[in-house]
Amino acid sequence: MSIKLTAFKWVPPFAQGLVRDLRVRWALEEAGLSYTEHLIGQEEQSSKEYREKQPFGQVPVYEEDGLVLFETGAILLHIAERSEALMPGDANGRARARAWVFAALNSVEPPVQNLVVIDLFCANEEWAKLRRPGVVDFMNNRLKSLSTWMEGREYLEESFSAGDLMMVTVLRLLRHTDILSKQHPLLEAHRLRCEARPAFKKALAAQMAPFARNAPP
């Protein structure tokens, strides 16, 4: 089995450690699967050849023995199905892990991403200043629900799974704020607990290495 993962050669510092290939790198490390990386820049990202693999020009692209996948949720589940480090052994546990992957992507990431866009790309726009309080309130309601679920738990279910991996990569998008540490300490503890895993540390180091090598002068 040969796995190749497409990632960026370099991104600005605010995005380093957050680019979505981190999710796939982390999953591969948890599953004990080796891979090679194919680093791309803007020129290849916008090329016809790349768009035939990733219609939206994003990263990552996952290639495995003729299979080409895009979208991190789909890639993560593909990897998780072969690893008990990411999926419980019982059918019900596996179904619950899948549910949490979708919850991270559909219920939590959209409101989190709304705030990220305002803060990192539109902070000086008047409409953004007016809109931000409502965005924060909506996001905090979702995070409060998640915090309630996490009461008395170390992970989303009985043990670490693909659901925790995806959820933590979503929560990490808030690193430019103190929202988790000040308002949702259970979620902050969950994030830190998962980031302490050796597989996460290896995945993060692997993503960051090309950024250091290819930093502009």
C-alpha atoms as a PDB file:
ATOM      1  CA  MET A   1       0.000   0.000   0.000  1.00  0.00           C
ATOM      2  CA  SER A   2       1.377   3.381  -1.063  1.00  0.00           C
ATOM      3  CA  ILE A   3      -0.125   6.590   0.353  1.00  0.00           C
ATOM      4  CA  LYS A   4       0.633  10.080  -0.912  1.00  0.00           C
ATOM      5  CA  LEU A   5      -0.665  13.259   0.701  1.00  0.00           C
ATOM      6  CA  THR A   6      -0.723  16.671  -0.952  1.00  0.00           C
ATOM      7  CA  ALA A   7       0.039  19.673   1.261  1.00  0.00           C
ATOM      8  CA  PHE A   8       1.211  23.261   0.891  1.00  0.00           C
ATOM      9  CA  LYS A   9       4.876  24.184   0.639  1.00  0.00           C
ATOM     10  CA  TRP A  10       4.248  27.266   2.754  1.00  0.00           C
ATOM     11  CA  VAL A  11       1.398  29.272   4.264  1.00  0.00           C
ATOM     12  CA  PRO A  12       1.396  32.494   6.327  1.00  0.00           C
ATOM     13  CA  PRO A  13       2.118  32.099  10.052  1.00  0.00           C
ATOM     14  CA  PHE A  14      -1.523  32.578  11.106  1.00  0.00           C
ATOM     15  CA  ALA A  15      -2.437  29.396   9.191  1.00  0.00           C
ATOM     16  CA  GLN A  16       0.557  27.254  10.096  1.00  0.00           C
ATOM     17  CA  GLY A  17      -0.526  24.317  12.224  1.00  0.00           C
ATOM     18  CA  LEU A  18      -4.128  24.707  11.104  1.00  0.00           C
ATOM     19  CA  VAL A  19      -4.071  23.641   7.453  1.00  0.00           C
ATOM     20  CA  ARG A  20      -6.388  20.679   7.053  1.00  0.00           C
ATOM     21  CA  ASP A  21      -3.790  18.179   5.927  1.00  0.00           C
ATOM     22  CA  LEU A  22      -2.932  18.073   9.655  1.00  0.00           C
ATOM     23  CA  ARG A  23      -6.105  16.060  10.211  1.00  0.00           C
ATOM     24  CA  VAL A  24      -4.995  13.418   7.755  1.00  0.00           C
ATOM     25  CA  ARG A  25      -1.390  13.355   8.947  1.00  0.00           C
ATOM     26  CA  TRP A  26      -2.641  12.837  12.508  1.00  0.00           C
ATOM     27  CA  ALA A  27      -4.972  10.027  11.464  1.00  0.00           C
ATOM     28  CA  LEU A  28      -2.195   8.273   9.562  1.00  0.00           C
ATOM     29  CA  GLU A  29       0.097   8.526  12.572  1.00  0.00           C
ATOM     30  CA  GLU A  30      -2.580   7.119  14.887  1.00  0.00           C
ATOM     31  CA  ALA A  31      -3.193   4.263  12.451  1.00  0.00           C
ATOM     32  CA  GLY A  32       0.522   3.565  12.049  1.00  0.00           C
ATOM     33  CA  LEU A  33       0.407   4.092   8.283  1.00  0.00           C
ATOM     34  CA  SER A  34       3.370   5.587   6.467  1.00  0.00           C
ATOM     35  CA  TYR A  35       2.951   8.135   3.690  1.00  0.00           C
ATOM     36  CA  THR A  36       4.849  10.450   1.415  1.00  0.00           C
ATOM     37  CA  GLU A  37       4.002  14.112   0.958  1.00  0.00           C
ATOM     38  CA  HIS A  38       3.641  16.054  -2.273  1.00  0.00           C
ATOM     39  CA  LEU A  39       4.094  19.758  -1.599  1.00  0.00           C
ATOM     40  CA  ILE A  40       2.440  22.282  -3.885  1.00  0.00           C
ATOM     41  CA  GLY A  41       2.408  26.036  -4.386  1.00  0.00           C
ATOM     42  CA  GLN A  42      -0.176  28.392  -5.875  1.00  0.00           C
ATOM     43  CA  GLU A  43       0.700  27.565  -9.464  1.00  0.00           C
ATOM     44  CA  GLU A  44       0.028  23.845  -9.103  1.00  0.00           C
ATOM     45  CA  GLN A  45      -2.962  24.491  -6.831  1.00  0.00           C
ATOM     46  CA  SER A  46      -4.751  26.343  -9.642  1.00  0.00           C
ATOM     47  CA  SER A  47      -3.695  23.980 -12.433  1.00  0.00           C
ATOM     48  CA  LYS A  48      -6.124  21.886 -14.452  1.00  0.00           C
ATOM     49  CA  GLU A  49      -4.312  18.717 -13.399  1.00  0.00           C
ATOM     50  CA  TYR A  50      -4.726  19.478  -9.712  1.00  0.00           C
ATOM     51  CA  ARG A  51      -8.371  20.476 -10.080  1.00  0.00           C
ATOM     52  CA  GLU A  52      -9.031  17.071 -11.595  1.00  0.00           C
ATOM     53  CA  LYS A  53      -8.026  15.626  -8.225  1.00  0.00           C
ATOM     54  CA  GLN A  54      -9.427  18.363  -5.980  1.00  0.00           C
ATOM     55  CA  PRO A  55     -12.253  20.296  -7.686  1.00  0.00           C
ATOM     56  CA  PHE A  56     -11.941  23.251  -5.293  1.00  0.00           C
ATOM     57  CA  GLY A  57      -8.161  23.515  -5.390  1.00  0.00           C
ATOM     58  CA  GLN A  58      -7.783  22.854  -1.671  1.00  0.00           C
ATOM     59  CA  VAL A  59      -5.516  20.548   0.308  1.00  0.00           C
ATOM     60  CA  PRO A  60      -5.189  17.803   1.135  1.00  0.00           C
ATOM     61  CA  VAL A  61      -5.505  15.301  -1.667  1.00  0.00           C
ATOM     62  CA  TYR A  62      -5.109  11.686  -0.560  1.00  0.00           C
ATOM     63  CA  GLU A  63      -3.898   9.088  -3.045  1.00  0.00           C
ATOM     64  CA  GLU A  64      -3.672   5.384  -2.308  1.00  0.00           C
ATOM     65  CA  ASP A  65      -3.057   2.747  -4.970  1.00  0.00           C
ATOM     66  CA  GLY A  66      -5.217   4.441  -7.607  1.00  0.00           C
ATOM     67  CA  LEU A  67      -7.800   5.842  -5.174  1.00  0.00           C
ATOM     68  CA  VAL A  68      -7.951   9.644  -5.081  1.00  0.00           C
ATOM     69  CA  LEU A  69      -9.878  11.291  -2.234  1.00  0.00           C
ATOM     70  CA  PHE A  70     -10.540  14.869  -1.174  1.00  0.00           C
ATOM     71  CA  GLU A  71     -12.406  16.358   1.824  1.00  0.00           C
ATOM     72  CA  THR A  72     -10.851  15.593   5.192  1.00  0.00           C
ATOM     73  CA  GLY A  73     -13.987  14.015   6.637  1.00  0.00           C
ATOM     74  CA  ALA A  74     -14.067  11.414   3.891  1.00  0.00           C
ATOM     75  CA  ILE A  75     -10.323  10.811   4.108  1.00  0.00           C
ATOM     76  CA  LEU A  76     -10.387  10.486   7.893  1.00  0.00           C
ATOM     77  CA  LEU A  77     -13.176   7.919   7.822  1.00  0.00           C
ATOM     78  CA  HIS A  78     -11.384   5.966   5.091  1.00  0.00           C
ATOM     79  CA  ILE A  79      -8.279   5.747   7.279  1.00  0.00           C
ATOM     80  CA  ALA A  80     -10.198   5.148  10.500  1.00  0.00           C
ATOM     81  CA  GLU A  81     -12.012   2.100   9.185  1.00  0.00           C
ATOM     82  CA  ARG A  82      -8.740   0.141   9.268  1.00  0.00           C
ATOM     83  CA  SER A  83      -7.570   1.238  12.715  1.00  0.00           C
ATOM     84  CA  GLU A  84      -8.895   0.499  16.187  1.00  0.00           C
ATOM     85  CA  ALA A  85      -6.877   3.500  17.358  1.00  0.00           C
ATOM     86  CA  LEU A  86      -9.469   5.593  15.524  1.00  0.00           C
ATOM     87  CA  MET A  87     -12.548   3.369  15.510  1.00  0.00           C
ATOM     88  CA  PRO A  88     -13.876   1.144  18.318  1.00  0.00           C
ATOM     89  CA  GLY A  89     -14.083  -2.566  17.607  1.00  0.00           C
ATOM     90  CA  ASP A  90     -17.847  -2.835  18.090  1.00  0.00           C
ATOM     91  CA  ALA A  91     -20.401  -1.752  15.498  1.00  0.00           C
ATOM     92  CA  ASN A  92     -22.230   0.665  17.771  1.00  0.00           C
ATOM     93  CA  GLY A  93     -19.008   2.328  18.858  1.00  0.00           C
ATOM     94  CA  ARG A  94     -17.940   2.751  15.254  1.00  0.00           C
ATOM     95  CA  ALA A  95     -21.272   4.330  14.379  1.00  0.00           C
ATOM     96  CA  ARG A  96     -20.924   6.764  17.284  1.00  0.00           C
ATOM     97  CA  ALA A  97     -17.402   7.720  16.207  1.00  0.00           C
ATOM     98  CA  ARG A  98     -18.672   8.479  12.708  1.00  0.00           C
ATOM     99  CA  ALA A  99     -21.480  10.578  14.179  1.00  0.00           C
ATOM    100  CA  TRP A 100     -18.958  12.712  16.075  1.00  0.00           C
ATOM    101  CA  VAL A 101     -16.893  13.267  12.927  1.00  0.00           C
ATOM    102  CA  PHE A 102     -19.993  14.674  11.251  1.00  0.00           C
ATOM    103  CA  ALA A 103     -20.894  16.672  14.353  1.00  0.00           C
ATOM    104  CA  ALA A 104     -17.481  18.332  14.295  1.00  0.00           C
ATOM    105  CA  LEU A 105     -17.791  19.207  10.616  1.00  0.00           C
ATOM    106  CA  ASN A 106     -21.463  20.179  10.515  1.00  0.00           C
ATOM    107  CA  SER A 107     -22.467  21.430  13.976  1.00  0.00           C
ATOM    108  CA  VAL A 108     -19.277  22.946  15.362  1.00  0.00           C
ATOM    109  CA  GLU A 109     -16.931  23.939  12.540  1.00  0.00           C
ATOM    110  CA  PRO A 110     -19.296  26.311  10.646  1.00  0.00           C
ATOM    111  CA  PRO A 111     -19.883  28.693  13.593  1.00  0.00           C
ATOM    112  CA  VAL A 112     -16.219  28.490  14.587  1.00  0.00           C
ATOM    113  CA  GLN A 113     -15.128  29.203  11.032  1.00  0.00           C
ATOM    114  CA  ASN A 114     -17.460  32.196  10.846  1.00  0.00           C
ATOM    115  CA  LEU A 115     -15.568  33.788  13.715  1.00  0.00           C
ATOM    116  CA  VAL A 116     -12.201  32.887  12.210  1.00  0.00           C
ATOM    117  CA  VAL A 117     -13.098  34.600   8.932  1.00  0.00           C
ATOM    118  CA  ILE A 118     -14.183  37.764  10.727  1.00  0.00           C
ATOM    119  CA  ASP A 119     -11.158  37.916  13.012  1.00  0.00           C
ATOM    120  CA  LEU A 120      -8.427  36.962  10.575  1.00  0.00           C
ATOM    121  CA  PHE A 121      -9.681  38.361   7.277  1.00  0.00           C
ATOM    122  CA  CYS A 122     -12.279  41.052   7.910  1.00  0.00           C
ATOM    123  CA  ALA A 123     -11.537  42.514  11.340  1.00  0.00           C
ATOM    124  CA  ASN A 124     -11.319  46.106  10.089  1.00  0.00           C
ATOM    125  CA  GLU A 125     -14.540  45.977   8.105  1.00  0.00           C
ATOM    126  CA  GLU A 126     -17.467  47.818   9.682  1.00  0.00           C
ATOM    127  CA  TRP A 127     -19.903  45.009   8.924  1.00  0.00           C
ATOM    128  CA  ALA A 128     -17.587  42.553  10.676  1.00  0.00           C
ATOM    129  CA  LYS A 129     -17.439  44.676  13.829  1.00  0.00           C
ATOM    130  CA  LEU A 130     -21.234  44.769  13.902  1.00  0.00           C
ATOM    131  CA  ARG A 131     -21.641  41.089  13.138  1.00  0.00           C
ATOM    132  CA  ARG A 132     -18.991  39.670  15.478  1.00  0.00           C
ATOM    133  CA  PRO A 133     -20.985  39.714  18.779  1.00  0.00           C
ATOM    134  CA  GLY A 134     -23.782  37.697  17.210  1.00  0.00           C
ATOM    135  CA  VAL A 135     -21.319  35.250  15.680  1.00  0.00           C
ATOM    136  CA  VAL A 136     -19.610  34.767  19.045  1.00  0.00           C
ATOM    137  CA  ASP A 137     -22.940  34.221  20.818  1.00  0.00           C
ATOM    138  CA  PHE A 138     -24.075  31.607  18.305  1.00  0.00           C
ATOM    139  CA  MET A 139     -20.740  29.811  18.435  1.00  0.00           C
ATOM    140  CA  ASN A 140     -20.683  29.841  22.235  1.00  0.00           C
ATOM    141  CA  ASN A 141     -24.117  28.232  22.346  1.00  0.00           C
ATOM    142  CA  ARG A 142     -22.771  25.343  20.278  1.00  0.00           C
ATOM    143  CA  LEU A 143     -19.645  25.104  22.398  1.00  0.00           C
ATOM    144  CA  LYS A 144     -21.710  25.181  25.582  1.00  0.00           C
ATOM    145  CA  SER A 145     -23.710  22.187  24.342  1.00  0.00           C
ATOM    146  CA  LEU A 146     -20.477  20.364  23.587  1.00  0.00           C
ATOM    147  CA  SER A 147     -19.107  21.284  27.026  1.00  0.00           C
ATOM    148  CA  THR A 148     -22.202  19.851  28.666  1.00  0.00           C
ATOM    149  CA  TRP A 149     -21.614  16.584  26.838  1.00  0.00           C
ATOM    150  CA  MET A 150     -17.987  16.513  27.995  1.00  0.00           C
ATOM    151  CA  GLU A 151     -18.846  16.741  31.705  1.00  0.00           C
ATOM    152  CA  GLY A 152     -17.271  13.752  33.424  1.00  0.00           C
ATOM    153  CA  ARG A 153     -15.652  12.532  30.198  1.00  0.00           C
ATOM    154  CA  GLU A 154     -12.095  12.460  28.901  1.00  0.00           C
ATOM    155  CA  TYR A 155     -13.178  11.811  25.319  1.00  0.00           C
ATOM    156  CA  LEU A 156     -16.379  12.177  23.340  1.00  0.00           C
ATOM    157  CA  GLU A 157     -17.117   8.498  23.920  1.00  0.00           C
ATOM    158  CA  GLU A 158     -15.423   5.824  26.004  1.00  0.00           C
ATOM    159  CA  SER A 159     -12.038   6.173  24.312  1.00  0.00           C
ATOM    160  CA  PHE A 160     -10.222   8.380  21.803  1.00  0.00           C
ATOM    161  CA  SER A 161     -11.571   8.020  18.276  1.00  0.00           C
ATOM    162  CA  ALA A 162     -11.752   9.717  14.899  1.00  0.00           C
ATOM    163  CA  GLY A 163     -14.496  11.896  16.368  1.00  0.00           C
ATOM    164  CA  ASP A 164     -12.126  13.375  18.939  1.00  0.00           C
ATOM    165  CA  LEU A 165      -9.459  13.914  16.298  1.00  0.00           C
ATOM    166  CA  MET A 166     -11.793  15.857  14.046  1.00  0.00           C
ATOM    167  CA  MET A 167     -13.355  17.833  16.899  1.00  0.00           C
ATOM    168  CA  VAL A 168      -9.982  18.914  18.269  1.00  0.00           C
ATOM    169  CA  THR A 169      -8.795  20.112  14.868  1.00  0.00           C
ATOM    170  CA  VAL A 170     -11.917  22.270  14.736  1.00  0.00           C
ATOM    171  CA  LEU A 171     -11.421  23.645  18.248  1.00  0.00           C
ATOM    172  CA  ARG A 172      -7.812  24.496  17.400  1.00  0.00           C
ATOM    173  CA  LEU A 173      -9.103  27.086  14.923  1.00  0.00           C
ATOM    174  CA  LEU A 174      -9.843  29.272  17.958  1.00  0.00           C
ATOM    175  CA  ARG A 175      -6.218  29.474  19.032  1.00  0.00           C
ATOM    176  CA  HIS A 176      -6.112  33.200  18.236  1.00  0.00           C
ATOM    177  CA  THR A 177      -8.636  33.748  21.061  1.00  0.00           C
ATOM    178  CA  ASP A 178      -8.923  32.800  24.751  1.00  0.00           C
ATOM    179  CA  ILE A 179     -12.529  31.656  24.333  1.00  0.00           C
ATOM    180  CA  LEU A 180     -11.869  28.020  25.184  1.00  0.00           C
ATOM    181  CA  SER A 181      -9.635  28.609  28.189  1.00  0.00           C
ATOM    182  CA  LYS A 182     -11.867  31.271  29.724  1.00  0.00           C
ATOM    183  CA  GLN A 183     -15.368  30.132  28.798  1.00  0.00           C
ATOM    184  CA  HIS A 184     -15.169  26.414  27.989  1.00  0.00           C
ATOM    185  CA  PRO A 185     -12.456  24.856  30.181  1.00  0.00           C
ATOM    186  CA  LEU A 186     -13.687  21.301  29.587  1.00  0.00           C
ATOM    187  CA  LEU A 187     -13.168  21.759  25.856  1.00  0.00           C
ATOM    188  CA  GLU A 188      -9.769  23.316  26.450  1.00  0.00           C
ATOM    189  CA  ALA A 189      -8.806  20.312  28.580  1.00  0.00           C
ATOM    190  CA  HIS A 190     -10.035  17.954  25.868  1.00  0.00           C
ATOM    191  CA  ARG A 191      -7.984  19.809  23.258  1.00  0.00           C
ATOM    192  CA  LEU A 192      -4.838  19.701  25.360  1.00  0.00           C
ATOM    193  CA  ARG A 193      -5.355  16.035  26.225  1.00  0.00           C
ATOM    194  CA  CYS A 194      -5.592  15.069  22.567  1.00  0.00           C
ATOM    195  CA  GLU A 195      -2.728  17.325  21.497  1.00  0.00           C
ATOM    196  CA  ALA A 196      -0.515  15.535  24.029  1.00  0.00           C
ATOM    197  CA  ARG A 197      -0.819  12.316  22.024  1.00  0.00           C
ATOM    198  CA  PRO A 198       2.461  11.326  20.328  1.00  0.00           C
ATOM    199  CA  ALA A 199       0.696  10.917  16.988  1.00  0.00           C
ATOM    200  CA  PHE A 200      -0.514  14.514  17.069  1.00  0.00           C
ATOM    201  CA  LYS A 201       2.945  15.820  17.903  1.00  0.00           C
ATOM    202  CA  LYS A 202       4.467  13.880  14.997  1.00  0.00           C
ATOM    203  CA  ALA A 203       1.777  15.088  12.601  1.00  0.00           C
ATOM    204  CA  LEU A 204       2.182  18.714  13.624  1.00  0.00           C
ATOM    205  CA  ALA A 205       5.962  18.539  13.271  1.00  0.00           C
ATOM    206  CA  ALA A 206       5.580  17.007   9.823  1.00  0.00           C
ATOM    207  CA  GLN A 207       3.287  19.809   8.675  1.00  0.00           C
ATOM    208  CA  MET A 208       5.462  22.556  10.099  1.00  0.00           C
ATOM    209  CA  ALA A 209       8.769  21.304   8.671  1.00  0.00           C
ATOM    210  CA  PRO A 210       8.123  22.380   5.046  1.00  0.00           C
ATOM    211  CA  PHE A 211       6.942  25.805   6.190  1.00  0.00           C
ATOM    212  CA  ALA A 212      10.281  26.358   7.902  1.00  0.00           C
ATOM    213  CA  ARG A 213      12.232  25.136   4.866  1.00  0.00           C
ATOM    214  CA  ASN A 214      10.265  27.215   2.385  1.00  0.00           C
ATOM    215  CA  ALA A 215       9.782  30.429   4.357  1.00  0.00           C
ATOM    216  CA  PRO A 216      10.220  33.591   2.271  1.00  0.00           C
ATOM    217  CA  PRO A 217      13.535  35.411   2.813  1.00  0.00           C
END
